Protein backbone atom coordinates (compact mmCIF):
# COMPACT_ATOMS: atom_id res chain seq x y z
CA MET A 1 -6.39 45.95 9.85
CA GLN A 2 -3.07 45.06 11.62
CA PRO A 3 0.28 46.20 10.10
CA ILE A 4 1.35 43.87 7.35
CA HIS A 5 5.18 43.26 7.83
CA THR A 6 5.56 39.74 6.18
CA LEU A 7 4.28 37.44 3.27
CA HIS A 8 2.42 35.21 5.94
CA ASP A 9 0.77 38.45 7.53
CA PHE A 10 -0.61 39.63 3.72
CA PHE A 11 -2.24 36.11 3.06
CA VAL A 12 -3.77 36.12 6.75
CA ARG A 13 -4.72 39.35 7.03
CA THR A 14 -6.49 39.78 3.55
CA GLY A 15 -8.14 36.25 4.32
CA ALA A 16 -6.69 34.85 0.82
CA ASP A 17 -7.39 31.29 0.09
CA VAL A 18 -3.71 30.23 -0.42
CA HIS A 19 -1.60 27.33 -1.31
CA LEU A 20 2.13 27.25 -0.96
CA TYR A 21 4.65 25.04 -2.50
CA HIS A 22 8.13 24.43 -2.45
CA MET A 23 9.68 24.97 -5.67
CA GLY A 24 13.53 24.57 -5.05
CA ARG A 25 14.59 21.02 -4.68
CA ARG A 26 11.12 19.48 -5.03
CA VAL A 27 7.54 20.61 -5.84
CA GLU A 28 5.66 19.61 -2.69
CA PRO A 29 3.27 21.22 -0.28
CA CYS A 30 4.58 23.80 1.95
CA PRO A 31 2.59 24.53 5.30
CA LEU A 32 1.76 28.34 5.87
CA ASP A 33 3.29 27.92 9.21
CA ALA A 34 6.58 27.14 7.75
CA LEU A 35 6.43 30.26 5.90
CA ALA A 36 5.64 32.05 9.29
CA HIS A 37 8.42 30.60 11.24
CA PHE A 38 10.76 31.22 8.33
CA GLU A 39 9.87 35.05 8.17
CA GLN A 40 10.04 35.15 11.70
CA ASP A 41 13.54 33.99 11.86
CA ALA A 42 12.65 31.10 13.95
CA ALA A 43 13.94 28.38 11.46
CA ALA A 44 16.27 27.92 8.51
CA TRP A 45 14.44 27.64 5.02
CA PRO A 46 13.68 23.60 4.98
CA SER A 47 14.38 23.04 1.30
CA PRO A 48 16.91 25.50 -0.01
CA TRP A 49 18.04 25.75 -3.72
CA GLN A 50 21.18 27.64 -4.99
CA GLY A 51 20.74 30.03 -2.13
CA GLN A 52 17.24 30.91 -2.38
CA ALA A 53 13.78 29.83 -0.50
CA ARG A 54 11.90 29.27 -3.89
CA LEU A 55 7.90 29.23 -3.30
CA GLY A 56 5.16 28.60 -5.69
CA ILE A 57 1.87 30.39 -4.11
CA VAL A 58 -1.54 29.81 -5.59
CA PHE A 59 -3.98 32.27 -4.08
CA ARG A 60 -7.37 33.97 -4.48
CA LEU A 61 -8.28 37.36 -3.09
CA GLY A 62 -11.95 38.34 -2.56
CA ASP A 63 -14.14 37.23 -5.14
CA ILE A 64 -11.27 36.76 -7.91
CA VAL A 65 -12.72 33.23 -9.69
CA ASP A 66 -9.12 32.06 -11.32
CA PRO A 67 -6.44 31.70 -8.63
CA LEU A 68 -3.29 33.90 -9.22
CA ILE A 69 -0.06 32.45 -9.09
CA TRP A 70 3.37 33.98 -7.90
CA PHE A 71 6.85 32.20 -8.18
CA LEU A 72 9.02 34.09 -5.51
CA ALA A 73 12.68 33.04 -5.03
CA LEU A 74 13.72 34.74 -1.46
CA PRO A 75 17.40 35.16 -0.81
CA LEU A 76 19.06 33.28 1.92
CA ASP A 77 22.11 34.04 4.15
CA GLU A 78 24.79 31.76 5.04
CA GLN A 79 22.88 30.09 7.54
CA GLY A 80 19.84 29.56 5.37
CA GLN A 81 17.83 32.35 6.92
CA LEU A 82 15.84 34.90 5.21
CA VAL A 83 17.43 38.22 3.48
CA PRO A 84 14.57 40.35 4.47
CA ALA A 85 15.30 43.58 2.66
CA PRO A 86 14.02 42.43 -0.96
CA ARG A 87 11.24 40.70 0.63
CA ASP A 88 10.20 44.22 2.38
CA ALA A 89 10.38 45.99 -0.96
CA PHE A 90 8.02 43.55 -2.72
CA LEU A 91 5.60 43.82 0.23
CA GLN A 92 5.93 47.61 0.01
CA ARG A 93 5.12 47.55 -3.56
CA LEU A 94 2.23 44.98 -3.13
CA LEU A 95 0.63 47.29 -0.32
CA VAL A 96 0.74 50.59 -2.30
CA ILE A 97 -1.28 48.84 -5.03
CA LEU A 98 -3.73 47.82 -2.71
CA GLY A 99 -4.01 50.98 -1.14
CA HIS A 100 -4.40 52.62 -4.57
CA ASN A 101 -7.17 50.46 -5.40
CA ALA A 102 -8.98 50.56 -1.94
CA GLN A 103 -11.68 53.14 -2.85
CA ARG A 104 -12.43 52.19 -6.62
CA ALA A 105 -15.62 50.64 -7.48
CA ASP A 106 -13.60 48.18 -9.89
CA ARG A 107 -11.17 47.26 -7.01
CA GLN A 108 -11.54 43.38 -7.36
CA ALA A 109 -10.67 43.56 -11.34
CA ARG A 110 -7.92 46.00 -10.83
CA GLU A 111 -6.31 44.30 -7.86
CA SER A 112 -6.47 41.17 -9.57
CA SER A 113 -4.74 42.74 -12.78
CA GLU A 114 -2.43 44.70 -11.00
CA ILE A 115 -1.30 42.31 -8.53
CA GLU A 116 -0.45 39.91 -11.42
CA ASN A 117 1.54 42.68 -13.19
CA LEU A 118 3.64 42.91 -10.05
CA MET A 119 5.51 39.72 -10.98
CA GLN A 120 6.54 40.98 -14.30
CA ASP A 121 9.33 43.40 -13.20
CA ASN A 122 9.95 41.78 -9.84
CA PRO A 123 13.40 40.87 -9.07
CA LEU A 124 12.20 38.01 -6.55
CA ALA A 125 10.30 36.48 -9.58
CA PHE A 126 11.64 33.50 -11.18
CA THR A 127 10.27 31.07 -14.09
CA PRO A 128 10.15 27.30 -12.98
CA SER A 129 11.37 24.69 -15.57
CA LEU A 130 8.55 23.23 -17.32
CA PRO A 131 8.41 19.81 -15.39
CA PHE A 132 8.13 21.99 -12.21
CA GLN A 133 5.43 24.21 -13.76
CA ALA A 134 3.47 21.01 -14.94
CA MET A 135 4.08 19.60 -11.17
CA LEU A 136 2.61 22.62 -9.59
CA HIS A 137 -0.38 22.76 -11.70
CA ALA A 138 -1.02 19.13 -11.07
CA GLN A 139 -0.88 19.37 -7.44
CA ALA A 140 -2.74 22.65 -7.15
CA THR A 141 -5.60 21.34 -9.39
CA ARG A 142 -5.84 18.39 -7.01
CA ASP A 143 -5.28 20.06 -3.86
CA THR A 144 -8.20 22.47 -4.92
CA GLY A 145 -10.65 19.90 -5.99
CA ARG A 146 -10.47 20.90 -9.70
CA PRO A 147 -10.26 18.25 -12.32
CA ALA A 148 -6.95 17.37 -13.97
CA SER A 149 -6.25 18.39 -17.49
CA ALA A 150 -7.51 16.77 -20.64
CA HIS A 151 -4.07 15.28 -21.05
CA LEU A 152 -4.46 12.71 -18.41
CA GLU A 153 -6.56 10.39 -19.80
CA PRO A 154 -4.32 9.64 -23.04
CA VAL A 155 -1.38 8.98 -20.60
CA GLU A 156 -3.39 6.84 -18.45
CA ALA A 157 -4.25 4.79 -21.18
CA TYR A 158 -0.43 4.33 -22.50
CA LEU A 159 1.17 3.97 -19.20
CA SER A 160 -1.25 1.10 -18.29
CA GLY A 161 -0.42 -0.82 -21.28
CA GLN A 162 -4.32 -1.33 -21.89
CA GLN A 163 -4.31 1.02 -25.10
CA GLN A 164 -2.17 1.65 -27.80
CA VAL A 165 -1.33 5.53 -27.95
CA ASP A 166 1.48 7.26 -30.02
CA TRP A 167 3.79 8.46 -27.32
CA GLN A 168 4.97 11.54 -29.12
CA PHE A 169 1.45 12.85 -28.52
CA LEU A 170 1.69 12.36 -24.77
CA GLY A 171 1.79 16.06 -23.19
CA LEU A 172 4.09 16.63 -20.09
CA GLN A 173 1.01 17.88 -18.19
CA GLY A 174 -0.66 14.55 -18.48
CA LEU A 175 2.49 13.10 -17.18
CA ALA A 176 2.53 15.24 -14.19
CA ASP A 177 -1.40 14.71 -13.34
CA PHE A 178 -0.91 11.17 -13.79
CA THR A 179 2.06 11.01 -11.08
CA VAL A 180 0.40 13.26 -8.59
CA ARG A 181 -3.06 11.27 -8.73
CA MET A 182 -1.09 7.72 -9.12
CA ASP A 183 -2.90 5.07 -6.72
CA ASP A 184 -1.44 1.85 -5.93
CA GLU A 185 -3.12 0.12 -8.95
CA ALA A 186 -1.69 2.70 -11.29
CA ALA A 187 1.91 2.48 -9.85
CA ARG A 188 1.73 -1.39 -9.98
CA LEU A 189 0.63 -1.34 -13.80
CA LEU A 190 3.06 1.66 -14.66
CA ALA A 191 5.98 -0.99 -12.79
CA ALA A 192 5.09 -3.52 -15.43
CA THR A 193 5.35 -1.40 -18.31
CA LEU A 194 8.22 0.58 -17.38
CA PRO A 195 10.82 -1.92 -18.67
CA THR A 196 9.38 -1.28 -22.30
CA LEU A 197 8.95 2.86 -22.36
CA PRO A 198 10.85 4.42 -24.71
CA ASP A 199 13.86 6.45 -23.03
CA GLU A 200 11.90 10.03 -24.27
CA VAL A 201 8.88 8.92 -22.55
CA LEU A 202 10.88 7.69 -19.41
CA ASN A 203 12.88 10.76 -18.90
CA SER A 204 9.82 13.07 -18.85
CA LEU A 205 7.89 10.53 -16.57
CA CYS A 206 10.83 10.79 -14.29
CA TYR A 207 10.61 14.35 -14.37
CA CYS A 208 7.45 14.13 -12.69
CA LEU A 209 8.31 11.18 -10.45
CA GLU A 210 10.93 12.89 -8.45
CA HIS A 211 8.52 14.90 -7.04
CA VAL A 212 6.48 12.15 -5.47
CA ALA A 213 6.66 9.17 -3.25
CA VAL A 214 7.67 6.06 -5.29
CA PRO A 215 6.18 2.30 -4.19
CA THR A 216 8.29 -0.51 -4.07
CA ALA A 217 7.64 -2.38 -7.00
CA LEU A 218 7.99 1.11 -9.08
CA GLY A 219 11.30 2.01 -7.30
CA LEU A 220 12.62 -1.47 -8.29
CA ALA A 221 11.67 -0.78 -12.04
CA LEU A 222 13.26 2.33 -11.93
CA ARG A 223 16.37 1.00 -10.68
CA ASP A 224 16.45 -1.72 -13.28
CA ARG A 225 15.96 0.76 -16.01
CA GLY A 226 18.74 2.95 -14.56
CA GLU A 227 21.11 0.10 -14.42
CA GLN A 228 20.38 -0.80 -18.09
CA ALA A 229 20.88 3.00 -19.06
CA ALA A 230 24.31 2.94 -17.21
CA ALA A 231 25.42 -0.23 -19.04
CA ALA A 232 24.49 1.26 -22.27
CA GLY A 233 26.29 4.78 -21.17
CA GLN A 234 23.08 6.67 -21.43
CA VAL A 235 23.78 9.05 -18.96
CA GLU A 236 20.49 11.27 -19.26
CA THR A 237 18.20 8.13 -18.56
CA LEU A 238 20.55 6.88 -15.62
CA CYS A 239 20.34 10.42 -14.03
CA ALA A 240 16.58 10.70 -14.64
CA CYS A 241 16.09 7.36 -12.76
CA VAL A 242 18.28 8.10 -10.28
CA ARG A 243 16.44 11.47 -9.16
CA ALA A 244 12.72 9.55 -9.61
CA VAL A 245 14.00 6.70 -7.14
CA ALA A 246 14.88 9.11 -4.69
CA GLY A 247 11.13 9.16 -3.38
CA ALA A 248 11.23 5.37 -2.94
CA ASP A 249 12.04 3.39 0.18
CA GLU A 250 15.59 4.01 1.52
CA SER A 251 16.20 -0.10 1.34
CA ILE A 252 15.63 0.91 -2.53
CA ALA A 253 16.86 3.95 -3.14
CA GLY A 254 19.59 4.18 -0.44
CA ALA A 255 21.22 0.70 -1.48
CA TRP A 256 21.30 1.93 -5.17
CA TYR A 257 23.05 4.88 -4.15
CA ASP A 258 25.41 3.17 -2.18
CA ALA A 259 26.31 0.88 -5.17
CA LEU A 260 26.71 3.84 -7.36
CA LEU A 261 28.86 5.72 -5.31
CA SER A 262 30.98 2.51 -4.44
CA ASP A 263 31.92 2.49 -8.26
CA PRO A 264 34.29 5.69 -9.12
CA ALA A 265 33.39 5.05 -12.93
CA ALA A 266 29.63 5.68 -12.28
CA CYS A 267 30.28 9.05 -10.40
CA GLY A 268 30.37 11.51 -12.87
CA PRO A 269 29.39 15.12 -12.20
CA ASP A 270 25.85 14.83 -13.75
CA LEU A 271 25.03 11.76 -11.64
CA LEU A 272 26.30 13.72 -8.43
CA ALA A 273 24.06 16.57 -9.17
CA ALA A 274 21.19 14.17 -9.40
CA ILE A 275 21.70 12.69 -6.20
CA ALA A 276 22.47 15.86 -4.44
CA GLY A 277 19.31 17.78 -6.21
CA ARG A 278 16.47 15.12 -5.49
CA GLY A 279 18.21 12.43 -3.20
CA TRP A 280 19.59 14.95 -0.49
CA GLU A 281 17.28 13.22 2.23
CA LEU A 282 19.25 9.96 1.54
CA LEU A 283 22.51 11.75 2.28
CA GLU A 284 21.36 12.08 5.96
CA ASP A 285 23.83 9.22 6.54
CA SER A 286 26.87 9.12 8.44
CA GLU A 287 28.54 6.71 5.78
CA ARG A 288 26.61 7.79 2.58
CA LEU A 289 27.28 11.61 2.80
CA PRO A 290 31.29 11.36 3.37
CA ARG A 291 31.57 8.87 0.40
CA PHE A 292 29.08 11.42 -1.63
CA LEU A 293 31.60 14.31 -0.93
CA GLU A 294 34.79 12.34 -1.61
CA ARG A 295 33.37 11.26 -5.04
CA LEU A 296 32.40 15.06 -5.73
CA ALA A 297 35.88 16.24 -4.87
CA GLU A 298 37.41 13.58 -6.99
CA GLN A 299 35.39 14.93 -10.10
CA PRO A 300 37.53 18.04 -11.27
CA SER A 301 34.75 19.30 -13.74
CA ALA A 302 32.21 19.34 -10.39
CA ASP A 303 31.80 22.39 -8.69
CA PHE A 304 32.98 21.12 -5.29
CA ALA A 305 32.33 24.28 -3.45
CA SER A 306 29.09 25.20 -4.68
CA LEU A 307 27.43 21.87 -4.38
CA ALA A 308 28.67 21.23 -0.91
CA ARG A 309 27.87 25.02 0.28
CA ASP A 310 24.14 24.42 -1.24
CA LEU A 311 23.85 21.10 0.88
CA ALA A 312 25.09 22.54 3.75
CA LEU A 313 22.03 25.26 3.54
CA VAL A 314 19.92 22.26 4.02
CA PRO A 315 19.10 22.57 8.04
CA ARG A 316 19.42 18.64 8.55
CA LEU A 317 22.65 18.35 6.64
CA ARG A 318 24.40 21.56 7.74
CA LEU A 319 26.32 20.02 10.69
CA PRO A 320 26.94 16.61 9.08
CA VAL A 321 28.25 18.38 5.91
CA LEU A 322 30.68 20.80 7.99
CA MET A 323 31.94 17.98 10.17
CA THR A 324 32.74 15.83 7.17
CA LEU A 325 34.66 18.80 5.32
CA ARG A 326 36.31 19.65 8.80
CA GLU A 327 37.57 16.02 9.59
CA ALA A 328 38.75 15.33 5.93
CA ARG A 329 42.43 14.40 5.91
CA ARG A 330 44.64 16.82 4.04
CA ASP A 331 45.77 14.21 1.55
CA SER A 332 42.29 12.72 0.86
CA ALA A 333 40.25 14.37 -2.20
CA ILE A 334 38.22 16.67 -0.17
CA GLY A 335 41.22 18.04 1.77
CA ARG A 336 43.07 18.82 -1.59
CA ARG A 337 39.89 20.75 -2.82
CA LEU A 338 39.60 22.71 0.43
CA ALA A 339 43.28 23.24 0.20
CA GLY A 340 42.94 24.81 -3.47
CA LEU A 341 39.99 26.87 -2.40
CA GLY A 342 42.29 28.57 0.31
CA GLN A 343 44.82 29.56 -2.30
């Protein structure tokens, strides 16, 4: 076998059946080629989060029946490129384990157990939030042709409005399975029932919807619920809808973001974090991005430097963010924030 220098090498050379997922800004499939280009310093990580490339890796080795799952947070430099040393140390430990077991008769069982244990004291390992874990499980089971969880059926019955189910018994995994497998008809029924959903159900549902494409009718329904929440002062529900609507067409999501950003009273730190965290693609706009950064700078309790730096790590936003900061007038909110950082 040729030498293994990267994670991509490991999965290819071992013949692993592997599925990669972004676990930073959104849970979504990550092509294996994207990892290869990243590890070869040929490209910055496309979806950075808090200075890291966060990956969910679902794979099988050899005759292992149940897939192993790794959650790895690879550190990035200021250009969004891989800092290789921690990855190299992890690979070295992994190869040592494989080498120790190469001659054992019970190799498969030992490899599975020890590779899994490798993550327990691994400085690159992280534990995703429960919604992220649920969405990874939902996407992985769909992508590998496995059935959804048993929690899906009551969720389908409840959200379609066709059967009375006590919403307190709905599981987050069922909501995740529903959003991942949602077809046009399910989305249409959901849009019709969305106005009457309890806030608790809506918020949990939005934690899942923020990872998938949102059809037009559902996007409009989310905006309506978000506006109602804003009028009622329900910040958590407003932000949940703002995150979820990011997957809708720009004519819906972008227009709502513009309306929110035009209202200084609406732009609290939680709302701005929601837009940056899930709606970053909608900030690829020559007017929306400067307006967002200005609102962010106006919020004394917002961590302007950290959020701006995180957005600048997104390859498609790096130059626009830097140009906006560089061109800001000294007497603007951005200019004053930058002056404060330099003191």
